[in-house]
Amino acid sequence: MITVVKIGGNVIDSPELLADFLDKFSKIDGPKVLVHGGGKIATELSKKLGVEPNMVDGRRITDADTIDIVTMVYAGLVNKKMVAALQSRGCNAIGLSGADANIICGVVRPKEPIDFGFVADLTDDSVHEDHLKQLLYDGLTPVFSAIVHDGNGNLLNCNADTIASSIAVALSKKGDTKLVYCFEKRGVLRDVDDDASLISLIKKEEMDGLVSSGVVAKGMIPKLTNAFAALSKGVGSVVITQAEDVLTAAAKPLGCGTTLSL
């Protein structure tokens, strides 16, 4: 069983939460892959460099200056710090972007209705799983930043939830996979301010109603969309949970956080 884990930006921004998460992630049995974004660091660096961040519906408009900044932060500083932290915990990690070994090749997102710039969408053929599977076979733990390439020499910013889903789907062609989305909340909540309002199970048929009622909104929409897509394409299980429960979710998906079901 291969476990693919995506860690959210709010956890990356908290040294205490991140350290606890990495402690537990490093103890997950079997081959595993970690996918991360960049948290607030890219926004802070952009402002310091005089490049005003531009966000639309929680997604970053990535112009030529911004792709340089997010690459430095995501594929550089954040990725290498995480790899070093995992090495100190006895987890033999290797930091990667999608351009490395041509593992993830995306396409530029259509410029209508919004031109997001150097931002990638992924297709069913974007992840080249053979090289990735070889890394896992060699005992390495790939740690992916949210940077991919287009095959034409350009780096592209990509949604980390989408990368995690696509990696899990590609690896499912080679064997059983599970996908765990970790962030700062217990899972999907009916009331974001009430941790006791956890929804323990969401079926695909329920999603439209949850979106229309406002229970699922903003960044949770693409997360659930990617989760159900992964399930429909062969991933064995998908769980959305808090970072501190990653070890439990990886070992026993049911009964931890929010489980997704077709």
C-alpha atoms as a PDB file:
ATOM      1  CA  MET A   1       0.000   0.000   0.000  1.00  0.00           C
ATOM      2  CA  ILE A   2       1.344   3.411  -1.027  1.00  0.00           C
ATOM      3  CA  THR A   3       0.268   6.423   1.034  1.00  0.00           C
ATOM      4  CA  VAL A   4       0.113   9.879  -0.573  1.00  0.00           C
ATOM      5  CA  VAL A   5      -0.194  12.738   1.917  1.00  0.00           C
ATOM      6  CA  LYS A   6      -0.846  16.399   1.163  1.00  0.00           C
ATOM      7  CA  ILE A   7      -0.059  18.934   3.890  1.00  0.00           C
ATOM      8  CA  GLY A   8      -1.806  22.310   4.001  1.00  0.00           C
ATOM      9  CA  GLY A   9      -0.236  25.744   4.151  1.00  0.00           C
ATOM     10  CA  ASN A  10      -1.568  26.645   7.595  1.00  0.00           C
ATOM     11  CA  VAL A  11       0.344  23.692   9.053  1.00  0.00           C
ATOM     12  CA  ILE A  12       3.504  24.707   7.201  1.00  0.00           C
ATOM     13  CA  ASP A  13       3.155  28.191   8.715  1.00  0.00           C
ATOM     14  CA  SER A  14       3.157  26.759  12.270  1.00  0.00           C
ATOM     15  CA  PRO A  15       6.549  25.370  13.396  1.00  0.00           C
ATOM     16  CA  GLU A  16       4.886  23.380  16.193  1.00  0.00           C
ATOM     17  CA  LEU A  17       2.180  21.807  14.003  1.00  0.00           C
ATOM     18  CA  LEU A  18       4.681  21.072  11.239  1.00  0.00           C
ATOM     19  CA  ALA A  19       7.169  19.409  13.593  1.00  0.00           C
ATOM     20  CA  ASP A  20       4.436  17.210  15.064  1.00  0.00           C
ATOM     21  CA  PHE A  21       3.177  16.322  11.584  1.00  0.00           C
ATOM     22  CA  LEU A  22       6.642  15.361  10.334  1.00  0.00           C
ATOM     23  CA  ASP A  23       7.222  13.230  13.448  1.00  0.00           C
ATOM     24  CA  LYS A  24       4.115  11.227  12.595  1.00  0.00           C
ATOM     25  CA  PHE A  25       4.482  11.228   8.817  1.00  0.00           C
ATOM     26  CA  SER A  26       7.971   9.749   9.133  1.00  0.00           C
ATOM     27  CA  LYS A  27       6.475   6.792  11.049  1.00  0.00           C
ATOM     28  CA  ILE A  28       3.932   5.809   8.379  1.00  0.00           C
ATOM     29  CA  ASP A  29       4.636   2.233   7.349  1.00  0.00           C
ATOM     30  CA  GLY A  30       5.418   1.379   3.750  1.00  0.00           C
ATOM     31  CA  PRO A  31       6.189   3.602   0.763  1.00  0.00           C
ATOM     32  CA  LYS A  32       4.871   7.142   1.005  1.00  0.00           C
ATOM     33  CA  VAL A  33       4.813  10.444  -0.853  1.00  0.00           C
ATOM     34  CA  LEU A  34       4.424  13.938   0.619  1.00  0.00           C
ATOM     35  CA  VAL A  35       2.997  16.903  -1.328  1.00  0.00           C
ATOM     36  CA  HIS A  36       3.076  20.462   0.021  1.00  0.00           C
ATOM     37  CA  GLY A  37       2.366  24.045  -0.918  1.00  0.00           C
ATOM     38  CA  GLY A  38       4.183  27.066   0.453  1.00  0.00           C
ATOM     39  CA  GLY A  39       2.009  28.676   3.072  1.00  0.00           C
ATOM     40  CA  LYS A  40       2.357  32.398   3.663  1.00  0.00           C
ATOM     41  CA  ILE A  41       6.080  32.599   2.934  1.00  0.00           C
ATOM     42  CA  ALA A  42       5.634  33.233  -0.795  1.00  0.00           C
ATOM     43  CA  THR A  43       3.196  36.075  -0.098  1.00  0.00           C
ATOM     44  CA  GLU A  44       5.552  37.639   2.449  1.00  0.00           C
ATOM     45  CA  LEU A  45       8.549  37.393   0.111  1.00  0.00           C
ATOM     46  CA  SER A  46       6.543  38.840  -2.794  1.00  0.00           C
ATOM     47  CA  LYS A  47       5.749  41.930  -0.752  1.00  0.00           C
ATOM     48  CA  LYS A  48       9.382  42.330   0.324  1.00  0.00           C
ATOM     49  CA  LEU A  49      10.439  42.201  -3.325  1.00  0.00           C
ATOM     50  CA  GLY A  50       7.796  44.734  -4.350  1.00  0.00           C
ATOM     51  CA  VAL A  51       5.594  42.227  -6.187  1.00  0.00           C
ATOM     52  CA  GLU A  52       2.066  42.644  -4.866  1.00  0.00           C
ATOM     53  CA  PRO A  53       0.318  39.256  -4.541  1.00  0.00           C
ATOM     54  CA  ASN A  54      -2.856  38.920  -6.595  1.00  0.00           C
ATOM     55  CA  MET A  55      -5.352  36.269  -5.473  1.00  0.00           C
ATOM     56  CA  VAL A  56      -8.663  35.314  -7.110  1.00  0.00           C
ATOM     57  CA  ASP A  57     -10.925  32.912  -5.191  1.00  0.00           C
ATOM     58  CA  GLY A  58      -7.953  31.815  -3.114  1.00  0.00           C
ATOM     59  CA  ARG A  59      -5.815  31.063  -6.175  1.00  0.00           C
ATOM     60  CA  ARG A  60      -2.634  32.989  -6.936  1.00  0.00           C
ATOM     61  CA  ILE A  61      -2.288  34.891 -10.203  1.00  0.00           C
ATOM     62  CA  THR A  62       1.210  33.817 -11.245  1.00  0.00           C
ATOM     63  CA  ASP A  63       2.942  36.270 -13.576  1.00  0.00           C
ATOM     64  CA  ALA A  64       6.594  36.024 -14.662  1.00  0.00           C
ATOM     65  CA  ASP A  65       7.917  37.613 -11.443  1.00  0.00           C
ATOM     66  CA  THR A  66       5.635  35.532  -9.247  1.00  0.00           C
ATOM     67  CA  ILE A  67       6.596  32.161 -10.777  1.00  0.00           C
ATOM     68  CA  ASP A  68      10.224  32.952  -9.891  1.00  0.00           C
ATOM     69  CA  ILE A  69       9.227  33.764  -6.312  1.00  0.00           C
ATOM     70  CA  VAL A  70       6.980  30.745  -5.729  1.00  0.00           C
ATOM     71  CA  THR A  71       9.612  28.450  -7.260  1.00  0.00           C
ATOM     72  CA  MET A  72      12.237  29.827  -4.872  1.00  0.00           C
ATOM     73  CA  VAL A  73       9.907  29.354  -1.918  1.00  0.00           C
ATOM     74  CA  TYR A  74       8.009  26.159  -2.747  1.00  0.00           C
ATOM     75  CA  ALA A  75      10.664  24.123  -4.553  1.00  0.00           C
ATOM     76  CA  GLY A  76      13.538  25.717  -2.658  1.00  0.00           C
ATOM     77  CA  LEU A  77      13.264  26.946   0.912  1.00  0.00           C
ATOM     78  CA  VAL A  78      10.117  25.119   2.075  1.00  0.00           C
ATOM     79  CA  ASN A  79      10.883  21.884   0.246  1.00  0.00           C
ATOM     80  CA  LYS A  80      14.491  21.583   1.387  1.00  0.00           C
ATOM     81  CA  LYS A  81      13.692  22.491   4.990  1.00  0.00           C
ATOM     82  CA  MET A  82      11.064  19.753   4.997  1.00  0.00           C
ATOM     83  CA  VAL A  83      13.450  17.237   3.469  1.00  0.00           C
ATOM     84  CA  ALA A  84      16.129  18.088   6.027  1.00  0.00           C
ATOM     85  CA  ALA A  85      13.603  17.754   8.857  1.00  0.00           C
ATOM     86  CA  LEU A  86      12.535  14.322   7.596  1.00  0.00           C
ATOM     87  CA  GLN A  87      16.159  13.205   7.298  1.00  0.00           C
ATOM     88  CA  SER A  88      16.660  14.117  10.964  1.00  0.00           C
ATOM     89  CA  ARG A  89      13.757  11.787  11.757  1.00  0.00           C
ATOM     90  CA  GLY A  90      15.264   8.841   9.901  1.00  0.00           C
ATOM     91  CA  CYS A  91      13.046   9.241   6.819  1.00  0.00           C
ATOM     92  CA  ASN A  92      15.169   9.188   3.660  1.00  0.00           C
ATOM     93  CA  ALA A  93      13.375  11.956   1.762  1.00  0.00           C
ATOM     94  CA  ILE A  94      14.140  13.444  -1.636  1.00  0.00           C
ATOM     95  CA  GLY A  95      12.822  16.892  -2.566  1.00  0.00           C
ATOM     96  CA  LEU A  96      11.320  17.279  -6.011  1.00  0.00           C
ATOM     97  CA  SER A  97       9.421  19.532  -8.364  1.00  0.00           C
ATOM     98  CA  GLY A  98       7.365  18.069 -11.178  1.00  0.00           C
ATOM     99  CA  ALA A  99      10.159  18.999 -13.605  1.00  0.00           C
ATOM    100  CA  ASP A 100      12.596  16.604 -11.932  1.00  0.00           C
ATOM    101  CA  ALA A 101      12.839  13.380 -13.960  1.00  0.00           C
ATOM    102  CA  ASN A 102       9.839  14.721 -15.935  1.00  0.00           C
ATOM    103  CA  ILE A 103       7.573  13.244 -13.262  1.00  0.00           C
ATOM    104  CA  ILE A 104       4.778  15.835 -13.607  1.00  0.00           C
ATOM    105  CA  CYS A 105       4.183  17.693 -16.870  1.00  0.00           C
ATOM    106  CA  GLY A 106       1.199  20.035 -16.854  1.00  0.00           C
ATOM    107  CA  VAL A 107      -0.538  22.296 -19.348  1.00  0.00           C
ATOM    108  CA  VAL A 108      -1.068  26.030 -18.958  1.00  0.00           C
ATOM    109  CA  ARG A 109      -4.538  26.769 -17.631  1.00  0.00           C
ATOM    110  CA  PRO A 110      -6.842  28.358 -20.252  1.00  0.00           C
ATOM    111  CA  LYS A 111      -6.733  32.161 -20.133  1.00  0.00           C
ATOM    112  CA  GLU A 112     -10.521  32.497 -20.108  1.00  0.00           C
ATOM    113  CA  PRO A 113     -12.416  33.486 -18.053  1.00  0.00           C
ATOM    114  CA  ILE A 114      -9.392  34.423 -15.884  1.00  0.00           C
ATOM    115  CA  ASP A 115      -5.760  34.538 -16.983  1.00  0.00           C
ATOM    116  CA  PHE A 116      -3.871  32.973 -14.067  1.00  0.00           C
ATOM    117  CA  GLY A 117      -0.530  33.218 -15.892  1.00  0.00           C
ATOM    118  CA  PHE A 118       2.045  30.493 -15.238  1.00  0.00           C
ATOM    119  CA  VAL A 119      -0.447  28.107 -13.615  1.00  0.00           C
ATOM    120  CA  ALA A 120      -0.862  24.459 -14.578  1.00  0.00           C
ATOM    121  CA  ASP A 121      -3.764  22.134 -15.006  1.00  0.00           C
ATOM    122  CA  LEU A 122      -2.987  18.418 -14.964  1.00  0.00           C
ATOM    123  CA  THR A 123      -4.291  15.804 -17.371  1.00  0.00           C
ATOM    124  CA  ASP A 124      -4.715  12.052 -16.981  1.00  0.00           C
ATOM    125  CA  ASP A 125      -1.247  11.642 -18.520  1.00  0.00           C
ATOM    126  CA  SER A 126       0.568  14.363 -16.557  1.00  0.00           C
ATOM    127  CA  VAL A 127       2.189  12.097 -13.948  1.00  0.00           C
ATOM    128  CA  HIS A 128       4.851   9.710 -15.231  1.00  0.00           C
ATOM    129  CA  GLU A 129       4.629   7.111 -12.503  1.00  0.00           C
ATOM    130  CA  ASP A 130       7.456   4.791 -13.588  1.00  0.00           C
ATOM    131  CA  HIS A 131      10.221   7.103 -12.344  1.00  0.00           C
ATOM    132  CA  LEU A 132       8.239   7.869  -9.211  1.00  0.00           C
ATOM    133  CA  LYS A 133       7.684   4.190  -8.486  1.00  0.00           C
ATOM    134  CA  GLN A 134      11.426   3.569  -8.900  1.00  0.00           C
ATOM    135  CA  LEU A 135      12.204   6.151  -6.228  1.00  0.00           C
ATOM    136  CA  LEU A 136       9.792   4.400  -3.870  1.00  0.00           C
ATOM    137  CA  TYR A 137      11.307   1.015  -4.760  1.00  0.00           C
ATOM    138  CA  ASP A 138      14.736   2.413  -3.871  1.00  0.00           C
ATOM    139  CA  GLY A 139      13.453   3.281  -0.399  1.00  0.00           C
ATOM    140  CA  LEU A 140      13.175   7.019  -0.909  1.00  0.00           C
ATOM    141  CA  THR A 141      10.276   9.231   0.214  1.00  0.00           C
ATOM    142  CA  PRO A 142       9.513  11.812  -2.505  1.00  0.00           C
ATOM    143  CA  VAL A 143       8.544  15.257  -1.211  1.00  0.00           C
ATOM    144  CA  PHE A 144       6.862  17.275  -3.957  1.00  0.00           C
ATOM    145  CA  SER A 145       6.522  21.034  -4.074  1.00  0.00           C
ATOM    146  CA  ALA A 146       3.609  22.553  -5.990  1.00  0.00           C
ATOM    147  CA  ILE A 147       5.785  23.370  -9.005  1.00  0.00           C
ATOM    148  CA  VAL A 148       5.527  21.418 -12.276  1.00  0.00           C
ATOM    149  CA  HIS A 149       6.665  22.080 -15.856  1.00  0.00           C
ATOM    150  CA  ASP A 150       5.066  22.222 -19.302  1.00  0.00           C
ATOM    151  CA  GLY A 151       7.654  20.319 -21.339  1.00  0.00           C
ATOM    152  CA  ASN A 152       8.636  23.529 -23.157  1.00  0.00           C
ATOM    153  CA  GLY A 153      11.080  24.879 -20.613  1.00  0.00           C
ATOM    154  CA  ASN A 154       8.565  26.694 -18.447  1.00  0.00           C
ATOM    155  CA  LEU A 155       7.914  26.137 -14.749  1.00  0.00           C
ATOM    156  CA  LEU A 156       4.283  26.349 -13.629  1.00  0.00           C
ATOM    157  CA  ASN A 157       2.545  26.846 -10.307  1.00  0.00           C
ATOM    158  CA  CYS A 158      -0.009  24.110  -9.582  1.00  0.00           C
ATOM    159  CA  ASN A 159      -2.635  23.412  -6.942  1.00  0.00           C
ATOM    160  CA  ALA A 160      -1.050  21.039  -4.407  1.00  0.00           C
ATOM    161  CA  ASP A 161      -4.358  19.215  -3.830  1.00  0.00           C
ATOM    162  CA  THR A 162      -4.471  18.446  -7.556  1.00  0.00           C
ATOM    163  CA  ILE A 163      -0.872  17.209  -7.552  1.00  0.00           C
ATOM    164  CA  ALA A 164      -1.567  14.863  -4.631  1.00  0.00           C
ATOM    165  CA  SER A 165      -4.701  13.483  -6.283  1.00  0.00           C
ATOM    166  CA  SER A 166      -2.952  12.989  -9.630  1.00  0.00           C
ATOM    167  CA  ILE A 167       0.025  11.246  -8.017  1.00  0.00           C
ATOM    168  CA  ALA A 168      -2.270   8.911  -6.079  1.00  0.00           C
ATOM    169  CA  VAL A 169      -4.214   8.060  -9.240  1.00  0.00           C
ATOM    170  CA  ALA A 170      -1.040   7.399 -11.243  1.00  0.00           C
ATOM    171  CA  LEU A 171       0.430   5.162  -8.535  1.00  0.00           C
ATOM    172  CA  SER A 172      -2.854   3.259  -8.260  1.00  0.00           C
ATOM    173  CA  LYS A 173      -2.019   1.814 -11.694  1.00  0.00           C
ATOM    174  CA  LYS A 174       0.901   0.045 -10.005  1.00  0.00           C
ATOM    175  CA  GLY A 175      -0.780  -1.036  -6.772  1.00  0.00           C
ATOM    176  CA  ASP A 176      -3.067  -0.047  -3.905  1.00  0.00           C
ATOM    177  CA  THR A 177      -2.937   3.603  -2.890  1.00  0.00           C
ATOM    178  CA  LYS A 178      -4.532   5.782  -0.245  1.00  0.00           C
ATOM    179  CA  LEU A 179      -4.731   9.576  -0.212  1.00  0.00           C
ATOM    180  CA  VAL A 180      -4.727  11.683   2.948  1.00  0.00           C
ATOM    181  CA  TYR A 181      -5.319  15.441   2.935  1.00  0.00           C
ATOM    182  CA  CYS A 182      -4.026  17.041   6.153  1.00  0.00           C
ATOM    183  CA  PHE A 183      -4.709  20.559   7.346  1.00  0.00           C
ATOM    184  CA  GLU A 184      -5.402  22.380  10.629  1.00  0.00           C
ATOM    185  CA  LYS A 185      -9.030  21.248  11.106  1.00  0.00           C
ATOM    186  CA  ARG A 186     -10.391  17.833  12.155  1.00  0.00           C
ATOM    187  CA  GLY A 187     -11.871  17.342   8.684  1.00  0.00           C
ATOM    188  CA  VAL A 188     -14.828  18.839   6.827  1.00  0.00           C
ATOM    189  CA  LEU A 189     -16.930  20.756   9.349  1.00  0.00           C
ATOM    190  CA  ARG A 190     -20.565  21.850   9.072  1.00  0.00           C
ATOM    191  CA  ASP A 191     -19.519  24.942  11.017  1.00  0.00           C
ATOM    192  CA  VAL A 192     -15.883  25.980  10.501  1.00  0.00           C
ATOM    193  CA  ASP A 193     -15.857  27.530  13.981  1.00  0.00           C
ATOM    194  CA  ASP A 194     -17.105  24.365  15.704  1.00  0.00           C
ATOM    195  CA  ASP A 195     -14.692  21.406  15.782  1.00  0.00           C
ATOM    196  CA  ALA A 196     -17.510  19.239  17.104  1.00  0.00           C
ATOM    197  CA  SER A 197     -19.419  19.620  13.815  1.00  0.00           C
ATOM    198  CA  LEU A 198     -17.231  17.138  11.928  1.00  0.00           C
ATOM    199  CA  ILE A 199     -18.850  15.363   8.973  1.00  0.00           C
ATOM    200  CA  SER A 200     -17.381  11.870   9.240  1.00  0.00           C
ATOM    201  CA  LEU A 201     -18.536  10.615   5.825  1.00  0.00           C
ATOM    202  CA  ILE A 202     -19.340  12.452   2.597  1.00  0.00           C
ATOM    203  CA  LYS A 203     -20.696  10.677  -0.470  1.00  0.00           C
ATOM    204  CA  LYS A 204     -20.184  12.141  -3.916  1.00  0.00           C
ATOM    205  CA  GLU A 205     -23.925  12.638  -4.388  1.00  0.00           C
ATOM    206  CA  GLU A 206     -23.953  14.940  -1.342  1.00  0.00           C
ATOM    207  CA  MET A 207     -21.351  17.387  -2.576  1.00  0.00           C
ATOM    208  CA  ASP A 208     -23.581  19.699  -4.616  1.00  0.00           C
ATOM    209  CA  GLY A 209     -25.873  20.176  -1.646  1.00  0.00           C
ATOM    210  CA  LEU A 210     -22.963  20.930   0.677  1.00  0.00           C
ATOM    211  CA  VAL A 211     -21.613  23.511  -1.767  1.00  0.00           C
ATOM    212  CA  SER A 212     -24.992  25.192  -2.352  1.00  0.00           C
ATOM    213  CA  SER A 213     -25.590  25.408   1.400  1.00  0.00           C
ATOM    214  CA  GLY A 214     -22.164  26.971   1.968  1.00  0.00           C
ATOM    215  CA  VAL A 215     -20.889  24.140   4.166  1.00  0.00           C
ATOM    216  CA  VAL A 216     -18.228  23.377   1.558  1.00  0.00           C
ATOM    217  CA  ALA A 217     -16.665  26.579   0.232  1.00  0.00           C
ATOM    218  CA  LYS A 218     -13.470  28.221  -0.980  1.00  0.00           C
ATOM    219  CA  GLY A 219     -10.449  25.901  -0.874  1.00  0.00           C
ATOM    220  CA  MET A 220     -12.479  22.929   0.312  1.00  0.00           C
ATOM    221  CA  ILE A 221     -14.304  22.762  -3.043  1.00  0.00           C
ATOM    222  CA  PRO A 222     -11.237  21.816  -5.144  1.00  0.00           C
ATOM    223  CA  LYS A 223     -10.070  19.533  -2.326  1.00  0.00           C
ATOM    224  CA  LEU A 224     -13.287  17.504  -2.451  1.00  0.00           C
ATOM    225  CA  THR A 225     -13.390  17.646  -6.250  1.00  0.00           C
ATOM    226  CA  ASN A 226      -9.885  16.184  -6.412  1.00  0.00           C
ATOM    227  CA  ALA A 227     -10.740  13.620  -3.755  1.00  0.00           C
ATOM    228  CA  PHE A 228     -13.760  12.248  -5.592  1.00  0.00           C
ATOM    229  CA  ALA A 229     -11.837  12.261  -8.869  1.00  0.00           C
ATOM    230  CA  ALA A 230      -9.130  10.155  -7.229  1.00  0.00           C
ATOM    231  CA  LEU A 231     -11.669   7.646  -5.933  1.00  0.00           C
ATOM    232  CA  SER A 232     -13.346   7.368  -9.334  1.00  0.00           C
ATOM    233  CA  LYS A 233      -9.973   6.634 -10.970  1.00  0.00           C
ATOM    234  CA  GLY A 234      -8.821   3.822  -8.723  1.00  0.00           C
ATOM    235  CA  VAL A 235      -7.491   5.263  -5.460  1.00  0.00           C
ATOM    236  CA  GLY A 236      -8.538   2.969  -2.629  1.00  0.00           C
ATOM    237  CA  SER A 237      -9.420   5.534   0.039  1.00  0.00           C
ATOM    238  CA  VAL A 238      -9.387   9.295   0.621  1.00  0.00           C
ATOM    239  CA  VAL A 239      -9.468  10.983   4.026  1.00  0.00           C
ATOM    240  CA  ILE A 240      -9.437  14.668   4.979  1.00  0.00           C
ATOM    241  CA  THR A 241      -8.174  15.154   8.511  1.00  0.00           C
ATOM    242  CA  GLN A 242      -6.060  17.259  10.832  1.00  0.00           C
ATOM    243  CA  ALA A 243      -2.285  17.014  10.530  1.00  0.00           C
ATOM    244  CA  GLU A 244      -1.848  15.516  13.992  1.00  0.00           C
ATOM    245  CA  ASP A 245      -3.938  12.501  12.954  1.00  0.00           C
ATOM    246  CA  VAL A 246      -1.946  11.639   9.824  1.00  0.00           C
ATOM    247  CA  LEU A 247      -0.511   8.431  11.291  1.00  0.00           C
ATOM    248  CA  THR A 248      -3.945   7.195  12.352  1.00  0.00           C
ATOM    249  CA  ALA A 249      -5.511   8.149   9.009  1.00  0.00           C
ATOM    250  CA  ALA A 250      -2.779   6.357   7.069  1.00  0.00           C
ATOM    251  CA  ALA A 251      -3.195   3.182   9.107  1.00  0.00           C
ATOM    252  CA  LYS A 252      -6.978   3.153   9.450  1.00  0.00           C
ATOM    253  CA  PRO A 253      -8.892   5.614   7.246  1.00  0.00           C
ATOM    254  CA  LEU A 254     -12.346   4.929   8.684  1.00  0.00           C
ATOM    255  CA  GLY A 255     -13.106   6.675  11.951  1.00  0.00           C
ATOM    256  CA  CYS A 256     -10.595   9.490  11.484  1.00  0.00           C
ATOM    257  CA  GLY A 257     -11.485  12.861  10.015  1.00  0.00           C
ATOM    258  CA  THR A 258     -13.771  12.931   6.986  1.00  0.00           C
ATOM    259  CA  THR A 259     -13.863   9.861   4.754  1.00  0.00           C
ATOM    260  CA  LEU A 260     -14.932  10.338   1.132  1.00  0.00           C
ATOM    261  CA  SER A 261     -17.015   7.729  -0.657  1.00  0.00           C
ATOM    262  CA  LEU A 262     -18.467   7.291  -4.114  1.00  0.00           C
END
